[in-house]
Amino acid sequence: MTRRVTRRAPLQYPSCGLLLFGGLADALLARRLVLTTASEPAMHLLQVDRARDYVATGTTALVDAKRTQKKTRKLQCCLLILVLVILIIIAVAVAVPVAINKG
């Protein structure tokens, strides 16, 4: 006797956006139904939502940090060029009178 294996379509788990297959998807959905229909708060779903919020906040912080780092690098480069120009002007101002007095 052979057992017929049926393939199930992947299931999108609504609260966290995971793509699940087969029995695991059924078990998680059944657990979610129990949690959401019970009188107790759905603590697991709250934790998933909090984790999603933390990830979104972290992503925003990384984008801001990258922007700030780029501005800081640009400012440092401009200041370095300014200091080099000032040093060249001072060096020329000191070297020219010394060359005139010797020559």
N, C-alpha and C. Protein backbone atom coordinates (compact mmCIF):
# COMPACT_ATOMS: atom_id res chain seq x y z
N MET A 1 0.84 -1.16 0.00
CA MET A 1 0.00 0.00 0.00
C MET A 1 0.90 1.24 0.00
N THR A 2 0.68 2.11 -0.94
CA THR A 2 1.47 3.33 -1.02
C THR A 2 0.65 4.49 -0.50
N ARG A 3 1.34 5.35 0.16
CA ARG A 3 0.69 6.53 0.73
C ARG A 3 0.86 7.68 -0.25
N ARG A 4 -0.22 8.32 -0.55
CA ARG A 4 -0.18 9.42 -1.50
C ARG A 4 0.19 10.71 -0.75
N VAL A 5 1.21 11.37 -1.24
CA VAL A 5 1.66 12.61 -0.61
C VAL A 5 1.10 13.78 -1.41
N THR A 6 0.41 14.65 -0.72
CA THR A 6 -0.14 15.82 -1.39
C THR A 6 0.73 17.02 -1.04
N ARG A 7 0.96 17.85 -2.01
CA ARG A 7 1.76 19.06 -1.78
C ARG A 7 0.81 20.21 -1.49
N ARG A 8 1.13 20.90 -0.44
CA ARG A 8 0.33 22.07 -0.10
C ARG A 8 1.03 23.33 -0.60
N ALA A 9 0.22 24.29 -0.91
CA ALA A 9 0.78 25.57 -1.34
C ALA A 9 1.37 26.27 -0.12
N PRO A 10 2.42 27.06 -0.31
CA PRO A 10 2.98 27.78 0.83
C PRO A 10 1.96 28.75 1.41
N LEU A 11 2.04 28.97 2.71
CA LEU A 11 1.09 29.83 3.40
C LEU A 11 1.81 31.04 3.94
N GLN A 12 1.28 32.21 3.70
CA GLN A 12 1.86 33.44 4.22
C GLN A 12 1.32 33.65 5.62
N TYR A 13 2.21 33.59 6.62
CA TYR A 13 1.79 33.77 8.00
C TYR A 13 1.58 35.26 8.23
N PRO A 14 0.36 35.68 8.54
CA PRO A 14 0.00 37.10 8.49
C PRO A 14 0.74 38.01 9.46
N SER A 15 1.02 37.57 10.67
CA SER A 15 1.54 38.51 11.65
C SER A 15 3.02 38.83 11.45
N CYS A 16 3.78 37.94 10.83
CA CYS A 16 5.21 38.22 10.71
C CYS A 16 5.71 38.11 9.27
N GLY A 17 4.87 37.80 8.31
CA GLY A 17 5.27 37.79 6.92
C GLY A 17 6.13 36.60 6.52
N LEU A 18 6.11 35.51 7.29
CA LEU A 18 6.89 34.33 6.94
C LEU A 18 6.13 33.47 5.95
N LEU A 19 6.86 32.79 5.11
CA LEU A 19 6.28 31.87 4.15
C LEU A 19 6.48 30.47 4.71
N LEU A 20 5.38 29.79 5.04
CA LEU A 20 5.48 28.50 5.72
C LEU A 20 4.84 27.41 4.88
N PHE A 21 5.27 26.18 5.11
CA PHE A 21 4.78 25.05 4.34
C PHE A 21 4.16 24.01 5.27
N GLY A 22 3.15 23.34 4.78
CA GLY A 22 2.60 22.14 5.38
C GLY A 22 2.13 22.24 6.80
N GLY A 23 2.49 21.23 7.60
CA GLY A 23 1.99 21.08 8.95
C GLY A 23 2.38 22.20 9.88
N LEU A 24 3.56 22.77 9.67
CA LEU A 24 4.00 23.87 10.52
C LEU A 24 3.07 25.06 10.35
N ALA A 25 2.67 25.34 9.13
CA ALA A 25 1.75 26.44 8.88
C ALA A 25 0.42 26.18 9.56
N ASP A 26 -0.07 24.96 9.45
CA ASP A 26 -1.35 24.62 10.09
C ASP A 26 -1.25 24.76 11.61
N ALA A 27 -0.14 24.29 12.17
CA ALA A 27 0.03 24.36 13.62
C ALA A 27 0.10 25.81 14.08
N LEU A 28 0.83 26.64 13.34
CA LEU A 28 0.94 28.03 13.75
C LEU A 28 -0.38 28.77 13.60
N LEU A 29 -1.10 28.49 12.55
CA LEU A 29 -2.41 29.13 12.39
C LEU A 29 -3.38 28.68 13.47
N ALA A 30 -3.35 27.39 13.80
CA ALA A 30 -4.23 26.90 14.87
C ALA A 30 -3.87 27.57 16.18
N ARG A 31 -2.57 27.72 16.45
CA ARG A 31 -2.12 28.38 17.68
C ARG A 31 -2.55 29.83 17.69
N ARG A 32 -2.48 30.48 16.54
CA ARG A 32 -2.90 31.87 16.47
C ARG A 32 -4.40 32.00 16.72
N LEU A 33 -5.17 31.08 16.16
CA LEU A 33 -6.61 31.12 16.41
C LEU A 33 -6.91 30.94 17.88
N VAL A 34 -6.19 30.05 18.52
CA VAL A 34 -6.40 29.83 19.96
C VAL A 34 -6.04 31.10 20.73
N LEU A 35 -4.93 31.71 20.37
CA LEU A 35 -4.51 32.91 21.08
C LEU A 35 -5.46 34.08 20.87
N THR A 36 -5.93 34.23 19.65
CA THR A 36 -6.78 35.38 19.37
C THR A 36 -8.21 35.17 19.81
N THR A 37 -8.63 33.93 19.95
CA THR A 37 -10.00 33.71 20.41
C THR A 37 -10.09 33.56 21.92
N ALA A 38 -8.98 33.35 22.58
CA ALA A 38 -9.00 33.21 24.03
C ALA A 38 -9.16 34.59 24.66
N SER A 39 -9.53 34.59 25.93
CA SER A 39 -9.72 35.86 26.62
C SER A 39 -8.39 36.48 27.02
N GLU A 40 -7.31 35.68 27.05
CA GLU A 40 -6.00 36.20 27.40
C GLU A 40 -5.43 36.98 26.21
N PRO A 41 -4.57 37.97 26.49
CA PRO A 41 -3.96 38.70 25.36
C PRO A 41 -3.01 37.80 24.59
N ALA A 42 -2.88 38.07 23.33
CA ALA A 42 -2.01 37.27 22.48
C ALA A 42 -0.58 37.79 22.64
N MET A 43 0.11 37.27 23.68
CA MET A 43 1.43 37.77 24.02
C MET A 43 2.44 37.51 22.90
N HIS A 44 2.34 36.35 22.28
CA HIS A 44 3.28 36.03 21.20
C HIS A 44 3.14 37.03 20.06
N LEU A 45 1.92 37.35 19.70
CA LEU A 45 1.70 38.29 18.60
C LEU A 45 2.19 39.68 18.97
N LEU A 46 2.06 40.05 20.24
CA LEU A 46 2.57 41.34 20.69
C LEU A 46 4.09 41.37 20.59
N GLN A 47 4.73 40.27 20.93
CA GLN A 47 6.19 40.20 20.86
C GLN A 47 6.67 40.32 19.41
N VAL A 48 5.95 39.69 18.50
CA VAL A 48 6.31 39.79 17.09
C VAL A 48 6.15 41.23 16.60
N ASP A 49 5.07 41.87 17.01
CA ASP A 49 4.86 43.26 16.62
C ASP A 49 5.93 44.17 17.20
N ARG A 50 6.29 43.94 18.45
CA ARG A 50 7.36 44.74 19.07
C ARG A 50 8.69 44.52 18.35
N ALA A 51 8.98 43.28 18.01
CA ALA A 51 10.21 42.99 17.28
C ALA A 51 10.22 43.70 15.93
N ARG A 52 9.09 43.71 15.25
CA ARG A 52 8.98 44.40 13.96
C ARG A 52 9.24 45.90 14.16
N ASP A 53 8.69 46.48 15.25
CA ASP A 53 8.92 47.89 15.53
C ASP A 53 10.39 48.17 15.82
N TYR A 54 11.05 47.29 16.57
CA TYR A 54 12.46 47.46 16.87
C TYR A 54 13.30 47.41 15.59
N VAL A 55 12.96 46.51 14.70
CA VAL A 55 13.70 46.40 13.44
C VAL A 55 13.50 47.66 12.61
N ALA A 56 12.28 48.17 12.55
CA ALA A 56 12.01 49.39 11.80
C ALA A 56 12.77 50.58 12.39
N THR A 57 12.78 50.67 13.73
CA THR A 57 13.51 51.75 14.40
C THR A 57 15.01 51.63 14.13
N GLY A 58 15.53 50.40 14.18
CA GLY A 58 16.95 50.19 13.91
C GLY A 58 17.32 50.54 12.48
N THR A 59 16.45 50.20 11.55
CA THR A 59 16.71 50.52 10.15
C THR A 59 16.74 52.03 9.94
N THR A 60 15.80 52.74 10.57
CA THR A 60 15.78 54.20 10.48
C THR A 60 17.04 54.80 11.09
N ALA A 61 17.47 54.25 12.22
CA ALA A 61 18.68 54.75 12.88
C ALA A 61 19.90 54.53 11.99
N LEU A 62 19.98 53.39 11.32
CA LEU A 62 21.11 53.12 10.43
C LEU A 62 21.14 54.07 9.24
N VAL A 63 19.98 54.37 8.68
CA VAL A 63 19.91 55.31 7.56
C VAL A 63 20.35 56.70 8.01
N ASP A 64 19.89 57.12 9.20
CA ASP A 64 20.30 58.43 9.73
C ASP A 64 21.80 58.46 10.01
N ALA A 65 22.34 57.39 10.56
CA ALA A 65 23.77 57.33 10.87
C ALA A 65 24.59 57.40 9.59
N LYS A 66 24.14 56.73 8.54
CA LYS A 66 24.86 56.77 7.26
C LYS A 66 24.87 58.19 6.70
N ARG A 67 23.72 58.86 6.78
CA ARG A 67 23.63 60.23 6.28
C ARG A 67 24.54 61.16 7.08
N THR A 68 24.55 61.02 8.40
CA THR A 68 25.39 61.84 9.26
C THR A 68 26.86 61.59 8.99
N GLN A 69 27.22 60.32 8.82
CA GLN A 69 28.62 59.97 8.54
C GLN A 69 29.08 60.58 7.22
N LYS A 70 28.22 60.57 6.21
CA LYS A 70 28.57 61.15 4.92
C LYS A 70 28.80 62.65 5.04
N LYS A 71 27.92 63.35 5.79
CA LYS A 71 28.08 64.78 5.99
C LYS A 71 29.37 65.09 6.76
N THR A 72 29.67 64.27 7.76
CA THR A 72 30.88 64.48 8.56
C THR A 72 32.13 64.29 7.71
N ARG A 73 32.15 63.25 6.88
CA ARG A 73 33.30 63.02 6.00
C ARG A 73 33.50 64.18 5.03
N LYS A 74 32.41 64.69 4.49
CA LYS A 74 32.48 65.82 3.56
C LYS A 74 33.04 67.06 4.26
N LEU A 75 32.58 67.32 5.49
CA LEU A 75 33.07 68.46 6.26
C LEU A 75 34.55 68.32 6.58
N GLN A 76 34.98 67.11 6.97
CA GLN A 76 36.39 66.87 7.27
C GLN A 76 37.26 67.09 6.03
N CYS A 77 36.79 66.66 4.90
CA CYS A 77 37.55 66.83 3.65
C CYS A 77 37.68 68.32 3.32
N CYS A 78 36.60 69.07 3.45
CA CYS A 78 36.65 70.50 3.17
C CYS A 78 37.59 71.22 4.13
N LEU A 79 37.55 70.86 5.41
CA LEU A 79 38.44 71.48 6.39
C LEU A 79 39.90 71.14 6.11
N LEU A 80 40.17 69.91 5.70
CA LEU A 80 41.54 69.51 5.37
C LEU A 80 42.07 70.32 4.18
N ILE A 81 41.26 70.48 3.17
CA ILE A 81 41.66 71.26 2.01
C ILE A 81 41.90 72.72 2.41
N LEU A 82 41.04 73.28 3.24
CA LEU A 82 41.19 74.65 3.71
C LEU A 82 42.49 74.84 4.49
N VAL A 83 42.79 73.90 5.38
CA VAL A 83 44.02 73.97 6.16
C VAL A 83 45.24 73.87 5.24
N LEU A 84 45.19 72.97 4.25
CA LEU A 84 46.31 72.85 3.31
C LEU A 84 46.51 74.14 2.51
N VAL A 85 45.44 74.77 2.08
CA VAL A 85 45.54 76.02 1.33
C VAL A 85 46.16 77.11 2.22
N ILE A 86 45.72 77.19 3.47
CA ILE A 86 46.28 78.18 4.41
C ILE A 86 47.77 77.93 4.63
N LEU A 87 48.16 76.66 4.81
CA LEU A 87 49.58 76.33 4.99
C LEU A 87 50.41 76.69 3.77
N ILE A 88 49.89 76.45 2.58
CA ILE A 88 50.61 76.81 1.35
C ILE A 88 50.77 78.32 1.26
N ILE A 89 49.72 79.07 1.60
CA ILE A 89 49.80 80.54 1.56
C ILE A 89 50.85 81.03 2.56
N ILE A 90 50.87 80.47 3.76
CA ILE A 90 51.87 80.87 4.76
C ILE A 90 53.27 80.51 4.28
N ALA A 91 53.44 79.33 3.72
CA ALA A 91 54.76 78.91 3.24
C ALA A 91 55.25 79.83 2.13
N VAL A 92 54.37 80.21 1.21
CA VAL A 92 54.76 81.11 0.11
C VAL A 92 55.06 82.50 0.68
N ALA A 93 54.27 82.96 1.63
CA ALA A 93 54.48 84.29 2.23
C ALA A 93 55.82 84.35 2.98
N VAL A 94 56.23 83.26 3.57
CA VAL A 94 57.52 83.25 4.28
C VAL A 94 58.66 83.05 3.29
N ALA A 95 58.50 82.22 2.29
CA ALA A 95 59.59 81.88 1.37
C ALA A 95 59.92 83.02 0.42
N VAL A 96 58.94 83.79 -0.01
CA VAL A 96 59.19 84.86 -0.99
C VAL A 96 60.08 85.96 -0.39
N PRO A 97 59.79 86.50 0.80
CA PRO A 97 60.67 87.54 1.35
C PRO A 97 62.08 87.01 1.62
N VAL A 98 62.20 85.76 2.03
CA VAL A 98 63.53 85.19 2.28
C VAL A 98 64.30 85.10 0.97
N ALA A 99 63.66 84.73 -0.11
CA ALA A 99 64.30 84.63 -1.42
C ALA A 99 64.68 86.00 -1.94
N ILE A 100 63.88 87.01 -1.68
CA ILE A 100 64.16 88.38 -2.16
C ILE A 100 65.36 88.95 -1.41
N ASN A 101 65.45 88.71 -0.10
CA ASN A 101 66.55 89.25 0.70
C ASN A 101 67.88 88.59 0.36
N LYS A 102 67.87 87.35 -0.05
CA LYS A 102 69.09 86.64 -0.42
C LYS A 102 69.55 87.00 -1.83
N GLY A 103 68.61 87.39 -2.63
CA GLY A 103 68.93 87.48 -4.01
C GLY A 103 69.24 88.79 -4.55
